[in-house]
């Protein structure tokens, strides 16, 4: 296969590709073999029809098959030699008895000019305060889960433990649920009507609540069962020892929870940093990309929206300004291209791969997320290459981000400052959504 560069503009290349006579003959033989395996011709044994007879019988259809086979071979060869952003574009074809040639346009991966990860700053909340809050929260949970309950005859108060039975009927009296049991801790901050209405009731009290479900009125009939007062145990050495978690004193319990909290915060910090790095990655990468590639992405995206009859809807979100819309698509394209190019570049340079055990763990996480057996999750992955590739890609992104993490500046700030920064980011996101929907607001005005 002879390959001649006709034109190059940064990452965009145009080639003239010529198949030699020997390559054409090989393609013809492949086609003849396939036809002989699948079809029979009158006067010939199956699988024994000569090439010339097949070419004569099929005529121009054989030439079309040959051209198609050459395109497949060309696409395979190009993908081996070039990293493509978009599928190969065949601009022209030519074919005669002894040669086949194509003019192809390739949008290849752009060159990475510069990365600036050293100037990326990841702000995380200080560990000390978060660990302290974690320890206190876990102690409270242990106290709550080991509360001492005693039956009581008086009215229900906050923090009491209550057993109830309830039935649900519709507005016509038809029973939807009957004699269901439930257990409730009556919390002051629980805003449910059921909880609010329990306060002051006593054992064997009955009452009804009306609510709307799926635009239909339903009635919940509740009967109070046994009421219990709850008393939290004292937080001391005896309490710690009774937990059966291999501690003898309250001090040892707190030390265990401290270590548990430190590990949890460390893992959270790492995951937060990874997510932040991936979200900011394009802002710290410079690439040398042709406008031709960006315009191709924009034009194909718009054409796809038009084919799906969604273009006008999207354009309306941009004040019916196509230039504004195209600019947003361009920004999206740049982010995507920068991420793809730099992730693959770093992974190749550092031999970062997704190992089989890592993939198995990701599939296990997938099975847990959707509540399906691991074997079923494997079947789904194996039958859905796109989903499998997505999971592999996300894991590769994470591993590359962990490598980049060693280069960025990790800055610990106070919990209050971190929450303030987070609230600001959420507000900015909300403002962006509001701007994107401003045309809808104008319509209402």
Protein backbone atom coordinates (compact mmCIF):
# COMPACT_ATOMS: atom_id res chain seq x y z
CA UNK A 1 0.00 0.00 0.00
CA UNK A 2 1.66 3.21 -1.19
CA UNK A 3 0.95 6.24 0.96
CA UNK A 4 1.72 9.78 -0.26
CA UNK A 5 1.16 12.88 1.89
CA UNK A 6 -0.65 15.51 -0.19
CA UNK A 7 -1.36 18.12 2.45
CA UNK A 8 -0.78 18.68 6.18
CA UNK A 9 -2.14 21.35 8.51
CA UNK A 10 -1.17 20.64 12.10
CA UNK A 11 -3.12 17.48 12.95
CA UNK A 12 -5.05 17.29 9.65
CA UNK A 13 -3.46 15.20 6.90
CA UNK A 14 -4.52 14.34 3.38
CA UNK A 15 -3.07 11.21 1.77
CA UNK A 16 -3.19 9.51 -1.59
CA UNK A 17 -3.32 5.76 -0.94
CA UNK A 18 -2.61 3.30 -3.76
CA UNK A 19 -3.10 -0.47 -3.66
CA UNK A 20 -0.58 -2.47 -5.66
CA UNK A 21 -1.55 -5.16 -8.16
CA UNK A 22 -0.47 -7.86 -5.68
CA UNK A 23 -2.59 -6.33 -2.90
CA UNK A 24 -5.61 -6.14 -5.21
CA UNK A 25 -5.17 -9.77 -6.17
CA UNK A 26 -5.07 -10.74 -2.50
CA UNK A 27 -8.31 -8.85 -1.86
CA UNK A 28 -9.93 -10.53 -4.88
CA UNK A 29 -8.90 -13.95 -3.59
CA UNK A 30 -10.48 -13.17 -0.21
CA UNK A 31 -13.75 -12.23 -1.91
CA UNK A 32 -13.71 -15.33 -4.13
CA UNK A 33 -13.06 -17.55 -1.11
CA UNK A 34 -16.00 -16.00 0.76
CA UNK A 35 -18.33 -16.37 -2.24
CA UNK A 36 -17.30 -19.99 -2.76
CA UNK A 37 -18.01 -20.74 0.90
CA UNK A 38 -21.48 -19.19 0.83
CA UNK A 39 -22.90 -19.73 -2.68
CA UNK A 40 -23.18 -22.32 -5.44
CA UNK A 41 -23.02 -21.77 -9.21
CA UNK A 42 -24.76 -23.97 -11.72
CA UNK A 43 -22.29 -26.28 -13.42
CA UNK A 44 -19.68 -26.06 -10.65
CA UNK A 45 -19.13 -27.88 -7.39
CA UNK A 46 -19.53 -25.70 -4.31
CA UNK A 47 -16.23 -24.06 -3.41
CA UNK A 48 -14.62 -24.81 -6.78
CA UNK A 49 -15.77 -21.87 -8.92
CA UNK A 50 -12.77 -20.15 -10.61
CA UNK A 51 -12.12 -16.48 -9.93
CA UNK A 52 -12.66 -15.42 -13.52
CA UNK A 53 -16.06 -17.11 -13.65
CA UNK A 54 -17.15 -15.34 -10.46
CA UNK A 55 -15.90 -11.97 -11.78
CA UNK A 56 -17.68 -12.54 -15.08
CA UNK A 57 -20.95 -13.60 -13.44
CA UNK A 58 -21.00 -10.73 -10.90
CA UNK A 59 -19.65 -8.01 -13.19
CA UNK A 60 -19.83 -4.55 -11.60
CA UNK A 61 -21.05 -6.07 -8.34
CA UNK A 62 -17.67 -7.75 -7.96
CA UNK A 63 -15.91 -4.41 -8.57
CA UNK A 64 -18.06 -2.81 -5.86
CA UNK A 65 -17.26 -5.64 -3.47
CA UNK A 66 -13.56 -5.22 -4.24
CA UNK A 67 -13.72 -1.49 -3.57
CA UNK A 68 -15.55 -2.07 -0.30
CA UNK A 69 -12.99 -4.69 0.75
CA UNK A 70 -10.19 -2.24 -0.08
CA UNK A 71 -11.86 0.44 2.07
CA UNK A 72 -12.02 -1.98 5.02
CA UNK A 73 -8.36 -2.88 4.56
CA UNK A 74 -7.43 0.79 4.28
CA UNK A 75 -9.36 1.73 7.43
CA UNK A 76 -7.67 -1.10 9.36
CA UNK A 77 -4.22 -0.05 8.14
CA UNK A 78 -4.77 3.64 8.91
CA UNK A 79 -5.96 2.87 12.44
CA UNK A 80 -2.79 0.87 13.02
CA UNK A 81 -0.59 3.75 11.90
CA UNK A 82 -2.48 6.84 13.10
CA UNK A 83 -4.41 7.92 16.18
CA UNK A 84 -7.67 9.29 14.81
CA UNK A 85 -9.93 11.84 16.48
CA UNK A 86 -12.71 11.16 13.97
CA UNK A 87 -13.38 8.38 11.45
CA UNK A 88 -11.34 8.44 8.26
CA UNK A 89 -12.92 10.58 5.53
CA UNK A 90 -12.65 9.22 1.97
CA UNK A 91 -12.75 12.19 -0.39
CA UNK A 92 -12.34 10.31 -3.68
CA UNK A 93 -11.97 6.80 -5.11
CA UNK A 94 -10.53 5.49 -8.36
CA UNK A 95 -10.47 1.94 -9.68
CA UNK A 96 -9.34 0.11 -12.80
CA UNK A 97 -8.04 -3.33 -13.67
CA UNK A 98 -4.64 -2.98 -12.04
CA UNK A 99 -4.99 -0.35 -9.37
CA UNK A 100 -7.24 1.13 -6.68
CA UNK A 101 -6.56 4.47 -5.07
CA UNK A 102 -8.16 6.68 -2.45
CA UNK A 103 -7.74 10.24 -1.32
CA UNK A 104 -8.35 10.31 2.42
CA UNK A 105 -8.54 13.08 5.00
CA UNK A 106 -7.42 12.27 8.53
CA UNK A 107 -8.04 14.23 11.72
CA UNK A 108 -5.29 12.81 13.92
CA UNK A 109 -4.47 13.45 17.56
CA UNK A 110 -3.01 16.95 17.91
CA UNK A 111 0.43 17.46 19.39
CA UNK A 112 0.59 18.35 23.08
CA UNK A 113 2.61 21.57 23.22
CA UNK A 114 2.68 22.05 26.97
CA UNK A 115 1.23 20.91 30.28
CA UNK A 116 1.11 23.09 33.36
CA UNK A 117 0.05 20.70 36.10
CA UNK A 118 2.59 22.18 38.54
CA UNK A 119 0.46 25.33 38.73
CA UNK A 120 -2.77 23.48 39.44
CA UNK A 121 -3.96 23.99 43.00
CA UNK A 122 -6.32 21.57 44.71
CA UNK A 123 -7.91 22.91 47.88
CA UNK A 124 -9.05 20.34 50.43
CA UNK A 125 -10.46 20.82 53.94
CA UNK A 126 -8.08 20.38 56.86
CA UNK A 127 -8.11 16.84 58.17
CA UNK A 128 -8.09 17.56 61.90
CA UNK A 129 -11.54 19.11 62.21
CA UNK A 130 -13.16 16.59 59.88
CA UNK A 131 -11.63 13.65 61.77
CA UNK A 132 -12.84 15.12 65.07
CA UNK A 133 -16.35 15.45 63.65
CA UNK A 134 -16.13 11.89 62.31
CA UNK A 135 -15.15 10.51 65.73
CA UNK A 136 -17.99 12.38 67.44
CA UNK A 137 -20.50 11.23 64.84
CA UNK A 138 -19.43 7.59 65.23
CA UNK A 139 -19.65 7.83 69.02
CA UNK A 140 -23.17 9.27 68.70
CA UNK A 141 -24.11 6.43 66.33
CA UNK A 142 -22.79 3.82 68.77
CA UNK A 143 -24.75 5.40 71.62
CA UNK A 144 -27.91 5.58 69.51
CA UNK A 145 -27.63 1.98 68.35
CA UNK A 146 -27.19 0.81 71.95
CA UNK A 147 -29.93 2.93 73.51
CA UNK A 148 -31.77 1.42 76.48
CA UNK A 149 -35.54 1.25 75.87
CA UNK A 150 -38.28 0.78 78.46
CA UNK A 151 -42.07 0.53 77.93
CA UNK A 152 -44.00 3.65 78.92
CA UNK A 153 -47.69 4.45 79.34
CA UNK A 154 -47.62 8.22 78.97
CA UNK A 155 -47.90 10.34 75.83
CA UNK A 156 -45.29 10.06 73.08
CA UNK A 157 -42.43 12.54 73.37
CA UNK A 158 -39.50 13.36 71.15
CA UNK A 159 -36.80 10.66 71.17
CA UNK A 160 -39.32 7.96 72.12
CA UNK A 161 -39.31 4.67 70.22
CA UNK A 162 -42.74 3.71 68.86
CA UNK A 163 -44.19 0.63 67.20
CA UNK A 164 -47.16 1.23 64.90
CA UNK A 165 -49.42 -0.68 62.53
CA UNK A 166 -50.97 1.02 59.54
CA UNK A 167 -53.25 0.40 56.59
CA UNK A 168 -53.60 2.45 53.40
CA UNK A 169 -56.88 2.88 51.53
CA UNK A 170 -57.82 4.97 48.53
CA UNK A 171 -60.58 7.59 48.45
CA UNK A 172 -63.10 4.86 47.58
CA UNK A 173 -62.17 2.79 50.62
CA UNK A 174 -60.29 0.13 48.65
CA UNK A 175 -57.47 -1.34 50.73
CA UNK A 176 -54.05 -0.81 49.16
CA UNK A 177 -51.97 -2.03 52.12
CA UNK A 178 -53.26 -3.73 55.25
CA UNK A 179 -51.88 -4.15 58.76
CA UNK A 180 -48.29 -3.22 57.96
CA UNK A 181 -45.88 -2.79 60.87
CA UNK A 182 -43.26 -0.11 61.37
CA UNK A 183 -40.92 1.16 64.07
CA UNK A 184 -40.12 4.85 64.46
CA UNK A 185 -37.82 6.98 66.58
CA UNK A 186 -39.65 10.27 67.03
CA UNK A 187 -37.07 12.91 66.13
CA UNK A 188 -37.71 16.63 66.48
CA UNK A 189 -36.07 17.36 63.13
CA UNK A 190 -38.13 14.72 61.29
CA UNK A 191 -40.56 16.73 59.15
CA UNK A 192 -42.82 13.84 58.15
CA UNK A 193 -46.50 14.35 58.98
CA UNK A 194 -46.65 10.90 60.52
CA UNK A 195 -43.91 11.71 63.02
CA UNK A 196 -45.36 15.12 63.90
CA UNK A 197 -48.77 13.56 64.55
CA UNK A 198 -47.35 10.87 66.82
CA UNK A 199 -46.25 13.42 69.43
CA UNK A 200 -48.77 13.46 72.31
CA UNK A 201 -50.46 10.21 71.28
CA UNK A 202 -50.54 7.21 73.62
CA UNK A 203 -50.57 3.45 73.24
CA UNK A 204 -53.61 2.19 71.24
CA UNK A 205 -54.34 5.68 69.86
CA UNK A 206 -55.69 5.69 66.31
CA UNK A 207 -55.62 8.49 63.74
CA UNK A 208 -55.71 9.08 59.99
CA UNK A 209 -53.58 11.06 57.57
CA UNK A 210 -54.55 12.13 54.07
CA UNK A 211 -52.02 12.65 51.31
CA UNK A 212 -51.79 12.68 47.54
CA UNK A 213 -49.97 10.00 45.61
CA UNK A 214 -49.86 9.92 41.79
CA UNK A 215 -52.53 12.66 41.77
CA UNK A 216 -54.86 10.46 43.82
CA UNK A 217 -55.95 10.92 47.41
CA UNK A 218 -55.00 8.12 49.78
CA UNK A 219 -55.71 7.69 53.48
CA UNK A 220 -53.23 6.22 55.95
CA UNK A 221 -54.88 4.67 59.03
CA UNK A 222 -52.43 4.43 61.93
CA UNK A 223 -52.67 2.63 65.26
CA UNK A 224 -50.05 3.22 67.94
CA UNK A 225 -48.63 0.06 69.47
CA UNK A 226 -46.15 -0.10 72.31
CA UNK A 227 -44.35 3.13 73.21
CA UNK A 228 -40.85 3.05 74.69
CA UNK A 229 -38.72 5.69 76.30
CA UNK A 230 -35.15 5.73 75.09
CA UNK A 231 -32.15 6.39 77.29
CA UNK A 232 -28.66 6.64 75.88
CA UNK A 233 -25.98 4.76 77.84
CA UNK A 234 -23.17 6.64 79.52
CA UNK A 235 -20.09 7.08 77.39
CA UNK A 236 -17.45 5.44 79.58
CA UNK A 237 -15.03 2.51 79.74
CA UNK A 238 -17.81 0.04 80.57
CA UNK A 239 -19.76 1.06 77.47
CA UNK A 240 -16.67 0.74 75.27
CA UNK A 241 -15.91 -2.74 76.64
CA UNK A 242 -19.46 -4.00 75.98
CA UNK A 243 -19.22 -3.16 72.25
CA UNK A 244 -17.24 -6.35 71.51
CA UNK A 245 -14.84 -4.58 69.17
CA UNK A 246 -11.62 -5.53 70.97
CA UNK A 247 -11.29 -2.40 73.08
CA UNK A 248 -11.19 -2.22 76.85
CA UNK A 249 -11.47 1.52 77.47
CA UNK A 250 -13.13 4.61 76.07
CA UNK A 251 -9.70 5.96 75.19
CA UNK A 252 -8.95 2.88 73.07
CA UNK A 253 -12.34 3.22 71.37
CA UNK A 254 -11.62 6.83 70.47
CA UNK A 255 -8.18 5.86 69.16
CA UNK A 256 -9.77 3.22 66.92
CA UNK A 257 -12.33 5.70 65.62
CA UNK A 258 -9.57 8.29 65.13
CA UNK A 259 -7.64 5.85 62.91
CA UNK A 260 -10.83 4.90 61.09
CA UNK A 261 -11.61 8.58 60.52
CA UNK A 262 -8.11 9.39 59.31
CA UNK A 263 -8.28 6.56 56.75
CA UNK A 264 -11.73 7.67 55.59
CA UNK A 265 -10.65 11.31 55.23
CA UNK A 266 -7.46 10.30 53.41
CA UNK A 267 -9.47 8.27 50.90
CA UNK A 268 -11.97 11.09 50.49
CA UNK A 269 -9.18 13.64 49.97
CA UNK A 270 -7.63 11.44 47.30
CA UNK A 271 -10.91 10.89 45.47
CA UNK A 272 -11.75 14.58 45.67
CA UNK A 273 -8.33 15.49 44.26
CA UNK A 274 -8.72 12.97 41.42
CA UNK A 275 -12.15 14.33 40.48
CA UNK A 276 -10.92 17.92 40.67
CA UNK A 277 -7.86 17.18 38.52
CA UNK A 278 -9.99 15.50 35.87
CA UNK A 279 -12.45 18.38 35.82
CA UNK A 280 -9.66 20.97 35.47
CA UNK A 281 -7.35 18.94 33.23
CA UNK A 282 -8.16 20.72 29.93
CA UNK A 283 -7.28 24.10 31.46
CA UNK A 284 -3.68 22.96 32.03
CA UNK A 285 -3.03 21.39 28.62
CA UNK A 286 -2.09 23.19 25.41
CA UNK A 287 -2.49 21.41 22.07
CA UNK A 288 -1.68 22.36 18.49
CA UNK A 289 -4.98 21.63 16.77
CA UNK A 290 -6.25 22.74 13.38
CA UNK A 291 -9.39 24.87 13.14
CA UNK A 292 -10.41 22.41 10.45
CA UNK A 293 -10.76 19.68 13.09
CA UNK A 294 -12.75 21.91 15.43
CA UNK A 295 -15.05 23.04 12.63
CA UNK A 296 -15.56 19.44 11.57
CA UNK A 297 -16.61 18.54 15.13
CA UNK A 298 -18.94 21.55 15.29
CA UNK A 299 -20.53 20.88 11.89
CA UNK A 300 -21.09 17.17 12.54
CA UNK A 301 -22.56 17.92 16.00
CA UNK A 302 -25.00 20.44 14.51
CA UNK A 303 -25.92 18.08 11.68
CA UNK A 304 -26.56 15.32 14.20
CA UNK A 305 -28.92 17.61 16.13
CA UNK A 306 -30.71 18.50 12.91
CA UNK A 307 -31.10 14.83 12.03
CA UNK A 308 -32.67 14.27 15.45
CA UNK A 309 -34.82 17.39 15.02
CA UNK A 310 -33.31 18.92 18.17
CA UNK A 311 -31.30 21.72 16.59
CA UNK A 312 -33.92 24.47 16.93
CA UNK A 313 -34.51 23.53 20.55
CA UNK A 314 -30.79 23.80 21.37
CA UNK A 315 -30.36 26.99 19.34
CA UNK A 316 -33.17 28.61 21.30
CA UNK A 317 -31.16 28.07 24.50
CA UNK A 318 -28.47 30.27 22.96
CA UNK A 319 -30.71 33.24 22.08
CA UNK A 320 -31.05 31.84 18.54
CA UNK A 321 -27.46 32.94 18.01
CA UNK A 322 -25.67 30.24 15.99
CA UNK A 323 -22.26 31.83 16.58
CA UNK A 324 -22.79 31.60 20.34
CA UNK A 325 -23.96 28.01 19.95
CA UNK A 326 -20.97 27.10 17.77
CA UNK A 327 -18.60 28.66 20.30
CA UNK A 328 -20.03 26.53 23.09
CA UNK A 329 -19.67 23.38 20.98
CA UNK A 330 -16.08 24.40 20.21
CA UNK A 331 -15.28 24.75 23.93
CA UNK A 332 -16.81 21.34 24.56
CA UNK A 333 -14.77 19.85 21.71
CA UNK A 334 -11.53 21.32 23.03
CA UNK A 335 -12.16 19.93 26.52
CA UNK A 336 -12.92 16.47 25.15
CA UNK A 337 -9.96 16.41 22.74
CA UNK A 338 -7.48 17.70 25.34
CA UNK A 339 -8.59 15.08 27.84
CA UNK A 340 -8.44 12.18 25.39
CA UNK A 341 -5.04 13.18 24.02
CA UNK A 342 -3.33 13.85 27.35
CA UNK A 343 -4.78 10.79 29.11
CA UNK A 344 -3.54 8.49 26.34
CA UNK A 345 -0.17 10.27 26.11
CA UNK A 346 0.55 10.03 29.84
CA UNK A 347 -0.69 6.44 30.09
CA UNK A 348 1.55 5.35 27.20
CA UNK A 349 4.61 7.22 28.47
CA UNK A 350 4.22 5.75 31.96
CA UNK A 351 2.97 2.30 30.94
CA UNK A 352 -0.29 2.82 32.82
CA UNK A 353 -2.84 0.13 32.04
CA UNK A 354 -6.06 -1.20 33.53
CA UNK A 355 -5.13 -4.62 34.88
CA UNK A 356 -7.49 -7.60 34.93
CA UNK A 357 -7.89 -7.50 38.71
CA UNK A 358 -8.79 -3.79 38.53
CA UNK A 359 -11.34 -4.47 35.81
CA UNK A 360 -12.85 -7.28 37.88
CA UNK A 361 -13.19 -4.89 40.82
CA UNK A 362 -14.92 -2.32 38.60
CA UNK A 363 -17.34 -4.99 37.36
CA UNK A 364 -17.96 -6.01 40.98
CA UNK A 365 -18.76 -2.39 41.84
CA UNK A 366 -21.10 -2.29 38.85
CA UNK A 367 -22.89 -5.43 40.04
CA UNK A 368 -23.28 -3.99 43.55
CA UNK A 369 -24.59 -0.68 42.21
CA UNK A 370 -27.34 -2.36 40.21
CA UNK A 371 -27.99 -5.23 42.63
CA UNK A 372 -27.18 -8.01 40.19
CA UNK A 373 -24.90 -11.08 40.52
CA UNK A 374 -21.27 -10.65 39.49
CA UNK A 375 -21.64 -13.29 36.77
CA UNK A 376 -24.57 -11.39 35.27
CA UNK A 377 -22.57 -8.15 35.34
CA UNK A 378 -19.76 -9.92 33.46
CA UNK A 379 -22.22 -11.11 30.82
CA UNK A 380 -23.53 -7.56 30.38
CA UNK A 381 -20.00 -6.19 29.98
CA UNK A 382 -18.92 -8.87 27.53
CA UNK A 383 -22.01 -8.34 25.38
CA UNK A 384 -21.71 -4.54 25.44
CA UNK A 385 -18.24 -3.43 24.23
CA UNK A 386 -19.20 0.24 24.48
CA UNK A 387 -20.04 -0.09 28.18
CA UNK A 388 -16.90 -2.15 28.80
CA UNK A 389 -14.73 0.46 27.06
CA UNK A 390 -16.36 3.22 29.11
CA UNK A 391 -15.53 1.46 32.37
CA UNK A 392 -11.95 0.80 31.25
CA UNK A 393 -11.55 4.41 30.13
CA UNK A 394 -12.87 5.83 33.40
CA UNK A 395 -10.47 3.63 35.36
CA UNK A 396 -7.57 4.71 33.13
CA UNK A 397 -8.52 8.38 33.67
CA UNK A 398 -8.47 7.82 37.42
CA UNK A 399 -5.03 6.17 37.34
CA UNK A 400 -3.57 8.98 35.23
CA UNK A 401 -5.10 11.58 37.57
CA UNK A 402 -3.40 9.85 40.52
CA UNK A 403 -0.08 10.21 38.72
CA UNK A 404 -0.75 13.90 38.01
CA UNK A 405 -1.72 14.37 41.67
CA UNK A 406 1.97 14.09 42.62
CA UNK A 407 2.69 17.19 40.51
CA UNK A 408 -0.13 19.50 41.62
CA UNK A 409 -0.25 21.69 44.72
CA UNK A 410 -2.45 20.24 47.46
CA UNK A 411 -3.50 23.03 49.83
CA UNK A 412 -5.40 22.40 53.06
CA UNK A 413 -7.88 25.12 54.02
CA UNK A 414 -10.37 25.46 56.85
CA UNK A 415 -13.60 23.53 56.65
CA UNK A 416 -15.58 26.80 56.58
CA UNK A 417 -13.51 28.17 53.70
CA UNK A 418 -13.85 24.91 51.80
CA UNK A 419 -17.63 24.89 52.22
CA UNK A 420 -17.77 28.53 51.12
CA UNK A 421 -15.75 27.73 47.98
CA UNK A 422 -17.97 24.74 47.27
CA UNK A 423 -21.12 26.83 47.67
CA UNK A 424 -19.65 29.41 45.27
CA UNK A 425 -18.97 26.72 42.66
CA UNK A 426 -22.53 25.42 43.00
CA UNK A 427 -23.87 28.96 42.62
CA UNK A 428 -21.74 29.53 39.51
CA UNK A 429 -23.07 26.31 38.02
CA UNK A 430 -26.60 27.43 38.82
CA UNK A 431 -25.95 30.80 37.17
CA UNK A 432 -24.66 29.07 34.04
CA UNK A 433 -27.82 26.97 33.88
CA UNK A 434 -29.90 30.12 34.34
CA UNK A 435 -28.09 31.83 31.47
CA UNK A 436 -28.59 28.81 29.22
CA UNK A 437 -32.31 28.99 29.91
CA UNK A 438 -32.71 32.77 29.56
CA UNK A 439 -34.67 32.44 26.34
CA UNK A 440 -37.30 30.43 28.17
CA UNK A 441 -37.55 33.18 30.80
CA UNK A 442 -38.03 35.79 28.07
CA UNK A 443 -40.87 33.76 26.61
CA UNK A 444 -42.64 33.76 29.97
CA UNK A 445 -42.21 37.51 30.27
